[in-house]
Amino acid sequence: MIDLMNSFPVFIVKDLKAAKNFYSKYFGFNIAFENTWYLHLISNSGVQIGFMLPDQPTQPNMFHKAYNGNGVIFSLEVEDADSAFAAAKQCALDIVLEIRSEDWGQRHFCVKDVNGIYLDIVQTIEATGEYR
């Protein structure tokens, strides 16, 4: 078995500066590491995310293409989804799914970041019906 210590996604994106500004301004991320082609952010609660520019010669070919907006949901858990939704609206974030409660035990909404990454802002609530 592989004994894990931590986890974080790395998104290959075209605009590191926009990612840094977006996640710092709206989600309180701080810079853990930054160079000309890679950015690593961490929140006060320990959530980490990395961003890398495409076509880096130091990286294998499978890591050269930029994220195209499909196939990934980056979930960020919050204590109060309604407050987070109000803040997202006030900040004029690109809300792509209005806030709603799901039977499986989530209250959530989704925004799209500046590089096309979908963020699912999630609060755990009590599941209903068959999901209990």
Protein backbone atom coordinates (compact mmCIF):
# COMPACT_ATOMS: atom_id res chain seq x y z
CA MET A 1 0.00 0.00 0.00
CA ILE A 2 1.15 3.56 -0.70
CA ASP A 3 1.03 5.70 2.45
CA LEU A 4 -0.24 9.17 1.49
CA MET A 5 0.72 12.40 3.25
CA ASN A 6 -1.22 15.03 1.31
CA SER A 7 -2.96 15.78 -1.98
CA PHE A 8 -3.41 18.74 -4.30
CA PRO A 9 -4.48 19.20 -7.90
CA VAL A 10 -2.23 20.88 -10.45
CA PHE A 11 -4.03 22.53 -13.34
CA ILE A 12 -2.18 23.34 -16.55
CA VAL A 13 -3.47 26.79 -17.45
CA LYS A 14 -2.55 29.65 -19.76
CA ASP A 15 -2.62 32.49 -17.20
CA LEU A 16 -0.80 32.08 -13.87
CA LYS A 17 -1.21 35.73 -12.90
CA ALA A 18 -4.98 35.57 -13.34
CA ALA A 19 -5.11 32.36 -11.26
CA LYS A 20 -3.01 33.94 -8.50
CA ASN A 21 -5.18 37.05 -8.38
CA PHE A 22 -8.48 35.13 -8.49
CA TYR A 23 -7.69 32.58 -5.77
CA SER A 24 -5.96 35.14 -3.55
CA LYS A 25 -8.68 37.76 -3.81
CA TYR A 26 -11.78 35.57 -3.62
CA PHE A 27 -10.68 32.54 -1.58
CA GLY A 28 -7.81 33.83 0.56
CA PHE A 29 -5.08 31.61 -0.89
CA ASN A 30 -1.46 32.58 -0.26
CA ILE A 31 1.59 31.92 -2.39
CA ALA A 32 3.55 28.88 -1.20
CA PHE A 33 5.82 28.80 -4.28
CA GLU A 34 6.00 30.78 -7.50
CA ASN A 35 8.33 30.90 -10.48
CA THR A 36 7.87 31.83 -14.14
CA TRP A 37 5.96 28.65 -15.07
CA TYR A 38 4.53 27.21 -11.82
CA LEU A 39 2.40 28.60 -9.00
CA HIS A 40 1.51 26.77 -5.79
CA LEU A 41 -1.12 28.26 -3.47
CA ILE A 42 -2.26 27.30 0.01
CA SER A 43 -5.22 28.53 2.06
CA ASN A 44 -5.17 29.33 5.77
CA SER A 45 -6.99 26.02 6.36
CA GLY A 46 -4.36 24.05 4.39
CA VAL A 47 -6.15 23.56 1.05
CA GLN A 48 -3.54 23.50 -1.72
CA ILE A 49 -3.72 24.01 -5.47
CA GLY A 50 -1.06 24.21 -8.15
CA PHE A 51 -1.03 25.84 -11.58
CA MET A 52 1.47 25.26 -14.36
CA LEU A 53 1.91 26.85 -17.76
CA PRO A 54 1.59 24.53 -20.77
CA ASP A 55 4.49 23.29 -22.90
CA GLN A 56 7.15 23.33 -20.20
CA PRO A 57 10.33 21.67 -21.51
CA THR A 58 11.11 20.29 -18.04
CA GLN A 59 7.83 18.34 -18.01
CA PRO A 60 6.91 15.11 -19.84
CA ASN A 61 4.70 15.49 -22.93
CA MET A 62 1.61 14.26 -21.08
CA PHE A 63 1.75 17.46 -18.99
CA HIS A 64 2.06 19.92 -21.91
CA LYS A 65 -1.55 20.62 -22.88
CA ALA A 66 -3.59 23.32 -21.14
CA TYR A 67 -6.76 22.40 -19.29
CA ASN A 68 -9.71 22.68 -21.70
CA GLY A 69 -12.53 23.15 -19.19
CA ASN A 70 -13.91 19.61 -19.28
CA GLY A 71 -13.71 16.62 -17.01
CA VAL A 72 -12.75 18.19 -13.68
CA ILE A 73 -14.69 19.60 -10.74
CA PHE A 74 -12.60 21.19 -7.99
CA SER A 75 -14.68 21.08 -4.80
CA LEU A 76 -14.03 23.56 -2.01
CA GLU A 77 -15.85 22.84 1.24
CA VAL A 78 -17.24 25.75 3.26
CA GLU A 79 -19.03 25.99 6.57
CA ASP A 80 -21.91 28.10 5.20
CA ALA A 81 -22.77 27.79 1.51
CA ASP A 82 -25.41 30.52 1.66
CA SER A 83 -22.91 33.07 2.97
CA ALA A 84 -20.36 31.94 0.39
CA PHE A 85 -22.98 32.28 -2.35
CA ALA A 86 -23.86 35.80 -1.21
CA ALA A 87 -20.14 36.71 -1.27
CA ALA A 88 -19.73 35.18 -4.74
CA LYS A 89 -22.65 37.24 -6.04
CA GLN A 90 -21.33 40.41 -4.40
CA CYS A 91 -17.91 39.80 -6.02
CA ALA A 92 -19.60 39.18 -9.40
CA LEU A 93 -18.00 35.76 -9.78
CA ASP A 94 -19.07 33.69 -12.79
CA ILE A 95 -21.80 31.62 -11.11
CA VAL A 96 -22.64 28.69 -13.39
CA LEU A 97 -24.91 26.79 -10.98
CA GLU A 98 -27.19 28.59 -8.54
CA ILE A 99 -27.19 27.49 -4.91
CA ARG A 100 -29.24 24.42 -4.15
CA SER A 101 -29.54 21.51 -1.74
CA GLU A 102 -29.02 17.94 -2.90
CA ASP A 103 -30.65 14.85 -1.37
CA TRP A 104 -27.24 13.16 -0.96
CA GLY A 105 -26.23 15.77 1.65
CA GLN A 106 -24.81 18.83 -0.04
CA ARG A 107 -25.78 22.45 -0.29
CA HIS A 108 -23.71 23.94 -3.06
CA PHE A 109 -23.23 26.22 -6.02
CA CYS A 110 -20.63 26.37 -8.79
CA VAL A 111 -18.47 29.12 -10.19
CA LYS A 112 -16.09 29.12 -13.14
CA ASP A 113 -12.64 30.59 -12.50
CA VAL A 114 -10.57 32.78 -14.82
CA ASN A 115 -8.95 29.77 -16.52
CA GLY A 116 -12.22 27.85 -17.03
CA ILE A 117 -11.96 25.58 -13.97
CA TYR A 118 -15.30 24.70 -12.37
CA LEU A 119 -15.34 25.20 -8.61
CA ASP A 120 -18.06 23.43 -6.63
CA ILE A 121 -18.51 25.36 -3.38
CA VAL A 122 -19.95 22.76 -1.01
CA GLN A 123 -21.45 22.63 2.47
CA THR A 124 -22.25 19.22 3.97
CA ILE A 125 -25.86 18.98 5.13
CA GLU A 126 -28.02 16.08 6.30
CA ALA A 127 -28.87 13.63 3.54
CA THR A 128 -32.53 12.89 2.84
CA GLY A 129 -34.53 9.85 1.77
CA GLU A 130 -32.61 6.98 0.27
CA TYR A 131 -29.26 8.71 0.87
CA ARG A 132 -29.59 8.54 4.67
